[in-house]
Amino acid sequence: LCLMLTQTGVGIRVISYNGRPTVTQGQHADLTCELMETNEELIQISWQKSTRGYRANHNFFLITPSQGPSHVKGRGDRVGFIGNTTALVGSIRLGATHVSLTDEGVYTCIFTVFPSGPYKAEIHLNV
């Protein structure tokens, strides 16, 4: 179990439970982060990535409590939400069909809460 803590504000923080996971090509990868120590309203959870296949950091998955998960640019077959917005857990399963070498890189989960704003943590995926 690898924990990565990102302290970004007074009291509120995001914890990544698998800071540098390694998976074999063809498997799936579960990426987990959790927002801690807040009673603020969750607006959304955003996932960004910068990978071998696409170096520029960009949004690829969004989760809102009211509308649930949505895929950016139609990657629905590759990513699934396995977290819980009520419990402030923003877990995703990457590569529901398979993870490839182009998936290796940095994944960032961003919790946006009201009124204080965004809090984030990074997960470095090795394939």
N, C-alpha and C. Protein backbone atom coordinates (compact mmCIF):
# COMPACT_ATOMS: atom_id res chain seq x y z
N LEU A 1 0.86 -1.18 0.00
CA LEU A 1 0.00 0.00 0.00
C LEU A 1 0.90 1.23 0.00
N CYS A 2 0.70 2.10 -0.95
CA CYS A 2 1.49 3.31 -1.08
C CYS A 2 0.57 4.50 -0.89
N LEU A 3 0.89 5.38 0.03
CA LEU A 3 0.08 6.56 0.27
C LEU A 3 0.81 7.80 -0.20
N MET A 4 0.11 8.66 -0.91
CA MET A 4 0.67 9.94 -1.31
C MET A 4 -0.28 11.01 -0.81
N LEU A 5 0.22 11.90 0.01
CA LEU A 5 -0.60 12.94 0.61
C LEU A 5 -0.27 14.27 -0.05
N THR A 6 -1.31 14.97 -0.44
CA THR A 6 -1.14 16.31 -0.98
C THR A 6 -1.87 17.27 -0.08
N GLN A 7 -1.15 18.14 0.60
CA GLN A 7 -1.75 19.14 1.48
C GLN A 7 -1.89 20.42 0.69
N THR A 8 -3.12 20.88 0.52
CA THR A 8 -3.31 22.06 -0.32
C THR A 8 -4.07 23.16 0.37
N GLY A 9 -4.52 22.96 1.57
CA GLY A 9 -5.28 23.99 2.26
C GLY A 9 -5.34 23.67 3.73
N VAL A 10 -5.97 24.51 4.48
CA VAL A 10 -6.07 24.32 5.92
C VAL A 10 -7.04 23.18 6.19
N GLY A 11 -6.54 22.04 6.69
CA GLY A 11 -7.37 20.92 7.06
C GLY A 11 -7.76 20.01 5.91
N ILE A 12 -8.19 20.55 4.80
CA ILE A 12 -8.65 19.73 3.68
C ILE A 12 -7.44 19.17 2.94
N ARG A 13 -7.51 17.89 2.56
CA ARG A 13 -6.41 17.28 1.81
C ARG A 13 -6.95 16.14 0.96
N VAL A 14 -6.17 15.75 -0.04
CA VAL A 14 -6.49 14.61 -0.89
C VAL A 14 -5.41 13.56 -0.67
N ILE A 15 -5.83 12.32 -0.48
CA ILE A 15 -4.90 11.21 -0.31
C ILE A 15 -5.03 10.28 -1.51
N SER A 16 -3.89 9.91 -2.07
CA SER A 16 -3.83 8.91 -3.13
C SER A 16 -3.35 7.61 -2.50
N TYR A 17 -4.11 6.54 -2.65
CA TYR A 17 -3.77 5.28 -2.00
C TYR A 17 -2.81 4.42 -2.81
N ASN A 18 -2.53 4.82 -4.03
CA ASN A 18 -1.62 4.04 -4.86
C ASN A 18 -0.76 5.00 -5.67
N GLY A 19 0.15 5.68 -5.00
CA GLY A 19 0.92 6.75 -5.61
C GLY A 19 1.74 6.39 -6.83
N ARG A 20 2.31 5.17 -6.90
CA ARG A 20 3.11 4.75 -8.05
C ARG A 20 2.84 3.28 -8.38
N PRO A 21 1.61 2.97 -8.80
CA PRO A 21 1.31 1.56 -9.10
C PRO A 21 2.00 1.10 -10.38
N THR A 22 2.32 -0.19 -10.42
CA THR A 22 2.87 -0.81 -11.62
C THR A 22 1.92 -1.92 -12.03
N VAL A 23 1.51 -1.90 -13.29
CA VAL A 23 0.65 -2.95 -13.83
C VAL A 23 1.29 -3.52 -15.08
N THR A 24 0.90 -4.74 -15.41
CA THR A 24 1.37 -5.40 -16.62
C THR A 24 0.45 -5.04 -17.77
N GLN A 25 1.02 -4.82 -18.93
CA GLN A 25 0.23 -4.52 -20.12
C GLN A 25 -0.83 -5.60 -20.28
N GLY A 26 -2.07 -5.18 -20.54
CA GLY A 26 -3.18 -6.11 -20.71
C GLY A 26 -4.06 -6.24 -19.48
N GLN A 27 -3.57 -5.80 -18.31
CA GLN A 27 -4.37 -5.81 -17.09
C GLN A 27 -5.14 -4.50 -16.98
N HIS A 28 -5.90 -4.34 -15.88
CA HIS A 28 -6.52 -3.05 -15.59
C HIS A 28 -5.80 -2.43 -14.39
N ALA A 29 -5.99 -1.14 -14.19
CA ALA A 29 -5.39 -0.42 -13.07
C ALA A 29 -6.48 0.35 -12.34
N ASP A 30 -6.57 0.15 -11.01
CA ASP A 30 -7.48 0.93 -10.18
C ASP A 30 -6.71 2.09 -9.58
N LEU A 31 -7.16 3.31 -9.83
CA LEU A 31 -6.52 4.52 -9.32
C LEU A 31 -7.46 5.14 -8.30
N THR A 32 -6.98 5.31 -7.07
CA THR A 32 -7.85 5.74 -5.97
C THR A 32 -7.32 6.99 -5.29
N CYS A 33 -8.21 7.95 -5.09
CA CYS A 33 -7.90 9.10 -4.27
C CYS A 33 -9.14 9.46 -3.45
N GLU A 34 -8.91 10.10 -2.32
CA GLU A 34 -10.00 10.40 -1.39
C GLU A 34 -9.79 11.79 -0.80
N LEU A 35 -10.88 12.55 -0.72
CA LEU A 35 -10.86 13.87 -0.11
C LEU A 35 -11.12 13.71 1.38
N MET A 36 -10.28 14.32 2.21
CA MET A 36 -10.36 14.14 3.66
C MET A 36 -10.63 15.47 4.37
N GLU A 37 -11.23 15.35 5.53
CA GLU A 37 -11.40 16.45 6.49
C GLU A 37 -12.12 17.66 5.92
N THR A 38 -13.29 17.43 5.33
CA THR A 38 -14.10 18.54 4.86
C THR A 38 -15.58 18.20 4.96
N ASN A 39 -16.37 19.21 5.20
CA ASN A 39 -17.83 19.11 5.15
C ASN A 39 -18.36 19.98 4.01
N GLU A 40 -17.46 20.50 3.18
CA GLU A 40 -17.87 21.36 2.08
C GLU A 40 -18.58 20.55 1.01
N GLU A 41 -19.34 21.24 0.17
CA GLU A 41 -20.11 20.60 -0.88
C GLU A 41 -19.21 20.18 -2.04
N LEU A 42 -19.29 18.92 -2.43
CA LEU A 42 -18.55 18.43 -3.59
C LEU A 42 -19.25 18.88 -4.86
N ILE A 43 -18.54 19.60 -5.70
CA ILE A 43 -19.08 20.06 -6.98
C ILE A 43 -18.77 19.02 -8.06
N GLN A 44 -17.50 18.60 -8.16
CA GLN A 44 -17.13 17.58 -9.14
C GLN A 44 -15.78 16.98 -8.81
N ILE A 45 -15.54 15.81 -9.39
CA ILE A 45 -14.22 15.17 -9.37
C ILE A 45 -13.77 15.12 -10.82
N SER A 46 -12.59 15.65 -11.09
CA SER A 46 -12.02 15.64 -12.44
C SER A 46 -10.79 14.74 -12.44
N TRP A 47 -10.61 14.01 -13.51
CA TRP A 47 -9.38 13.24 -13.71
C TRP A 47 -8.67 13.79 -14.93
N GLN A 48 -7.36 14.06 -14.76
CA GLN A 48 -6.51 14.51 -15.86
C GLN A 48 -5.37 13.51 -16.03
N LYS A 49 -4.77 13.54 -17.21
CA LYS A 49 -3.62 12.66 -17.43
C LYS A 49 -2.62 13.28 -18.39
N SER A 50 -1.38 12.85 -18.21
CA SER A 50 -0.29 13.16 -19.12
C SER A 50 0.45 11.84 -19.31
N THR A 51 0.34 11.23 -20.50
CA THR A 51 0.83 9.88 -20.72
C THR A 51 1.80 9.80 -21.89
N ARG A 52 2.35 8.61 -22.08
CA ARG A 52 3.21 8.37 -23.25
C ARG A 52 2.46 8.66 -24.53
N GLY A 53 1.18 8.30 -24.55
CA GLY A 53 0.39 8.47 -25.75
C GLY A 53 -0.01 9.91 -26.03
N TYR A 54 -0.07 10.74 -24.97
CA TYR A 54 -0.49 12.14 -25.12
C TYR A 54 0.11 12.93 -23.96
N ARG A 55 1.21 13.62 -24.20
CA ARG A 55 1.99 14.27 -23.14
C ARG A 55 1.31 15.47 -22.48
N ALA A 56 0.50 16.20 -23.21
CA ALA A 56 -0.16 17.39 -22.64
C ALA A 56 -1.18 16.95 -21.59
N ASN A 57 -1.16 17.58 -20.42
CA ASN A 57 -2.11 17.26 -19.36
C ASN A 57 -3.51 17.70 -19.80
N HIS A 58 -4.48 16.80 -19.71
CA HIS A 58 -5.84 17.13 -20.16
C HIS A 58 -6.88 16.33 -19.38
N ASN A 59 -8.08 16.89 -19.28
CA ASN A 59 -9.21 16.19 -18.64
C ASN A 59 -9.63 15.02 -19.52
N PHE A 60 -9.92 13.89 -18.86
CA PHE A 60 -10.46 12.76 -19.63
C PHE A 60 -11.67 12.12 -18.97
N PHE A 61 -11.97 12.49 -17.70
CA PHE A 61 -13.10 11.88 -17.00
C PHE A 61 -13.59 12.84 -15.93
N LEU A 62 -14.91 13.02 -15.85
CA LEU A 62 -15.52 13.92 -14.86
C LEU A 62 -16.62 13.17 -14.12
N ILE A 63 -16.76 13.45 -12.83
CA ILE A 63 -17.82 12.87 -12.02
C ILE A 63 -18.48 13.99 -11.23
N THR A 64 -19.80 14.11 -11.33
CA THR A 64 -20.55 15.06 -10.51
C THR A 64 -21.56 14.28 -9.68
N PRO A 65 -21.82 14.73 -8.44
CA PRO A 65 -22.80 14.02 -7.60
C PRO A 65 -24.19 13.95 -8.23
N SER A 66 -24.58 14.98 -8.95
CA SER A 66 -25.93 15.01 -9.52
C SER A 66 -26.07 14.23 -10.82
N GLN A 67 -25.02 14.22 -11.66
CA GLN A 67 -25.13 13.59 -12.97
C GLN A 67 -24.27 12.34 -13.14
N GLY A 68 -23.43 12.04 -12.16
CA GLY A 68 -22.59 10.86 -12.24
C GLY A 68 -21.40 11.05 -13.15
N PRO A 69 -20.81 9.93 -13.63
CA PRO A 69 -19.60 10.01 -14.44
C PRO A 69 -19.89 10.37 -15.90
N SER A 70 -18.94 11.08 -16.50
CA SER A 70 -19.01 11.36 -17.94
C SER A 70 -17.60 11.32 -18.51
N HIS A 71 -17.51 10.82 -19.72
CA HIS A 71 -16.23 10.67 -20.40
C HIS A 71 -15.98 11.86 -21.31
N VAL A 72 -14.76 12.35 -21.29
CA VAL A 72 -14.38 13.44 -22.17
C VAL A 72 -13.81 12.82 -23.44
N LYS A 73 -14.32 13.22 -24.57
CA LYS A 73 -13.87 12.73 -25.88
C LYS A 73 -14.11 11.24 -26.07
N GLY A 74 -15.20 10.71 -25.53
CA GLY A 74 -15.65 9.35 -25.84
C GLY A 74 -14.76 8.20 -25.47
N ARG A 75 -14.16 8.20 -24.30
CA ARG A 75 -13.31 7.09 -23.89
C ARG A 75 -14.06 6.14 -22.95
N GLY A 76 -15.34 5.97 -23.16
CA GLY A 76 -16.18 5.19 -22.27
C GLY A 76 -15.82 3.73 -22.13
N ASP A 77 -15.20 3.15 -23.14
CA ASP A 77 -14.84 1.74 -23.08
C ASP A 77 -13.57 1.50 -22.28
N ARG A 78 -12.85 2.54 -21.93
CA ARG A 78 -11.55 2.39 -21.26
C ARG A 78 -11.54 2.77 -19.79
N VAL A 79 -12.51 3.59 -19.34
CA VAL A 79 -12.49 4.11 -17.97
C VAL A 79 -13.85 3.92 -17.33
N GLY A 80 -13.85 3.49 -16.07
CA GLY A 80 -15.10 3.37 -15.33
C GLY A 80 -14.95 3.94 -13.93
N PHE A 81 -16.03 4.49 -13.40
CA PHE A 81 -16.02 5.06 -12.05
C PHE A 81 -16.35 3.96 -11.06
N ILE A 82 -15.46 3.72 -10.08
CA ILE A 82 -15.69 2.71 -9.05
C ILE A 82 -15.66 3.33 -7.67
N GLY A 83 -15.73 4.67 -7.60
CA GLY A 83 -15.69 5.39 -6.34
C GLY A 83 -17.07 5.63 -5.77
N ASN A 84 -17.15 6.64 -4.89
CA ASN A 84 -18.39 6.98 -4.21
C ASN A 84 -18.36 8.47 -3.91
N THR A 85 -19.22 9.24 -4.58
CA THR A 85 -19.20 10.69 -4.38
C THR A 85 -19.68 11.07 -2.98
N THR A 86 -20.58 10.31 -2.39
CA THR A 86 -21.05 10.60 -1.03
C THR A 86 -19.92 10.46 -0.02
N ALA A 87 -19.09 9.44 -0.19
CA ALA A 87 -17.96 9.19 0.71
C ALA A 87 -16.71 9.96 0.30
N LEU A 88 -16.80 10.77 -0.77
CA LEU A 88 -15.68 11.57 -1.28
C LEU A 88 -14.50 10.71 -1.73
N VAL A 89 -14.81 9.57 -2.35
CA VAL A 89 -13.79 8.69 -2.91
C VAL A 89 -13.90 8.75 -4.43
N GLY A 90 -12.81 9.16 -5.08
CA GLY A 90 -12.83 9.37 -6.52
C GLY A 90 -12.12 8.30 -7.31
N SER A 91 -12.38 7.03 -7.02
CA SER A 91 -11.67 5.93 -7.67
C SER A 91 -12.16 5.68 -9.09
N ILE A 92 -11.21 5.34 -9.96
CA ILE A 92 -11.55 4.94 -11.32
C ILE A 92 -10.84 3.63 -11.64
N ARG A 93 -11.39 2.89 -12.59
CA ARG A 93 -10.73 1.71 -13.14
C ARG A 93 -10.32 2.07 -14.56
N LEU A 94 -9.03 2.03 -14.79
CA LEU A 94 -8.46 2.37 -16.09
C LEU A 94 -8.20 1.09 -16.87
N GLY A 95 -8.56 1.10 -18.12
CA GLY A 95 -8.30 -0.07 -18.95
C GLY A 95 -9.22 -1.21 -18.61
N ALA A 96 -10.52 -0.92 -18.56
CA ALA A 96 -11.49 -1.97 -18.26
C ALA A 96 -11.29 -3.14 -19.21
N THR A 97 -10.84 -2.85 -20.41
CA THR A 97 -10.52 -3.92 -21.36
C THR A 97 -9.05 -4.28 -21.30
N HIS A 98 -8.16 -3.30 -21.26
CA HIS A 98 -6.73 -3.56 -21.14
C HIS A 98 -5.95 -2.24 -21.04
N VAL A 99 -4.86 -2.28 -20.27
CA VAL A 99 -3.95 -1.14 -20.17
C VAL A 99 -2.82 -1.38 -21.17
N SER A 100 -2.42 -0.33 -21.86
CA SER A 100 -1.32 -0.45 -22.82
C SER A 100 -0.16 0.45 -22.39
N LEU A 101 0.96 0.33 -23.06
CA LEU A 101 2.13 1.15 -22.75
C LEU A 101 1.83 2.63 -22.90
N THR A 102 0.92 3.00 -23.79
CA THR A 102 0.60 4.42 -23.97
C THR A 102 -0.19 4.99 -22.80
N ASP A 103 -0.67 4.14 -21.88
CA ASP A 103 -1.38 4.61 -20.68
C ASP A 103 -0.42 5.01 -19.56
N GLU A 104 0.86 4.67 -19.68
CA GLU A 104 1.82 5.00 -18.64
C GLU A 104 1.97 6.51 -18.54
N GLY A 105 1.97 7.03 -17.30
CA GLY A 105 2.14 8.46 -17.10
C GLY A 105 1.58 8.93 -15.77
N VAL A 106 1.28 10.22 -15.70
CA VAL A 106 0.81 10.85 -14.47
C VAL A 106 -0.69 11.11 -14.58
N TYR A 107 -1.43 10.63 -13.59
CA TYR A 107 -2.88 10.83 -13.50
C TYR A 107 -3.15 11.71 -12.29
N THR A 108 -4.00 12.71 -12.46
CA THR A 108 -4.30 13.67 -11.40
C THR A 108 -5.79 13.65 -11.12
N CYS A 109 -6.15 13.42 -9.85
CA CYS A 109 -7.56 13.55 -9.47
C CYS A 109 -7.73 14.90 -8.78
N ILE A 110 -8.78 15.61 -9.16
CA ILE A 110 -9.03 16.96 -8.65
C ILE A 110 -10.44 17.00 -8.08
N PHE A 111 -10.54 17.24 -6.78
CA PHE A 111 -11.83 17.42 -6.13
C PHE A 111 -12.12 18.92 -6.08
N THR A 112 -13.22 19.35 -6.65
CA THR A 112 -13.64 20.74 -6.57
C THR A 112 -14.77 20.82 -5.56
N VAL A 113 -14.54 21.60 -4.48
CA VAL A 113 -15.54 21.75 -3.42
C VAL A 113 -15.88 23.23 -3.25
N PHE A 114 -17.09 23.47 -2.75
CA PHE A 114 -17.55 24.83 -2.53
C PHE A 114 -17.64 25.08 -1.04
N PRO A 115 -17.04 26.19 -0.58
CA PRO A 115 -16.58 27.35 -1.33
C PRO A 115 -15.07 27.42 -1.55
N SER A 116 -14.27 26.49 -1.03
CA SER A 116 -12.82 26.70 -1.03
C SER A 116 -12.11 26.39 -2.34
N GLY A 117 -12.70 25.59 -3.24
CA GLY A 117 -12.07 25.38 -4.54
C GLY A 117 -11.51 23.99 -4.75
N PRO A 118 -10.48 23.85 -5.63
CA PRO A 118 -9.95 22.54 -6.02
C PRO A 118 -8.82 22.05 -5.11
N TYR A 119 -8.78 20.72 -4.92
CA TYR A 119 -7.73 20.02 -4.19
C TYR A 119 -7.35 18.81 -5.03
N LYS A 120 -6.04 18.50 -5.12
CA LYS A 120 -5.64 17.45 -6.05
C LYS A 120 -4.53 16.56 -5.51
N ALA A 121 -4.39 15.40 -6.15
CA ALA A 121 -3.30 14.46 -5.88
C ALA A 121 -2.91 13.80 -7.19
N GLU A 122 -1.64 13.39 -7.29
CA GLU A 122 -1.13 12.75 -8.50
C GLU A 122 -0.84 11.28 -8.24
N ILE A 123 -1.06 10.48 -9.27
CA ILE A 123 -0.73 9.06 -9.25
C ILE A 123 0.13 8.79 -10.49
N HIS A 124 1.31 8.21 -10.28
CA HIS A 124 2.23 7.90 -11.38
C HIS A 124 2.07 6.43 -11.74
N LEU A 125 1.47 6.15 -12.89
CA LEU A 125 1.21 4.78 -13.33
C LEU A 125 2.36 4.27 -14.19
N ASN A 126 2.91 3.12 -13.80
CA ASN A 126 3.97 2.46 -14.57
C ASN A 126 3.38 1.23 -15.25
N VAL A 127 3.65 1.07 -16.53
CA VAL A 127 3.17 -0.10 -17.28
C VAL A 127 4.38 -0.87 -17.77
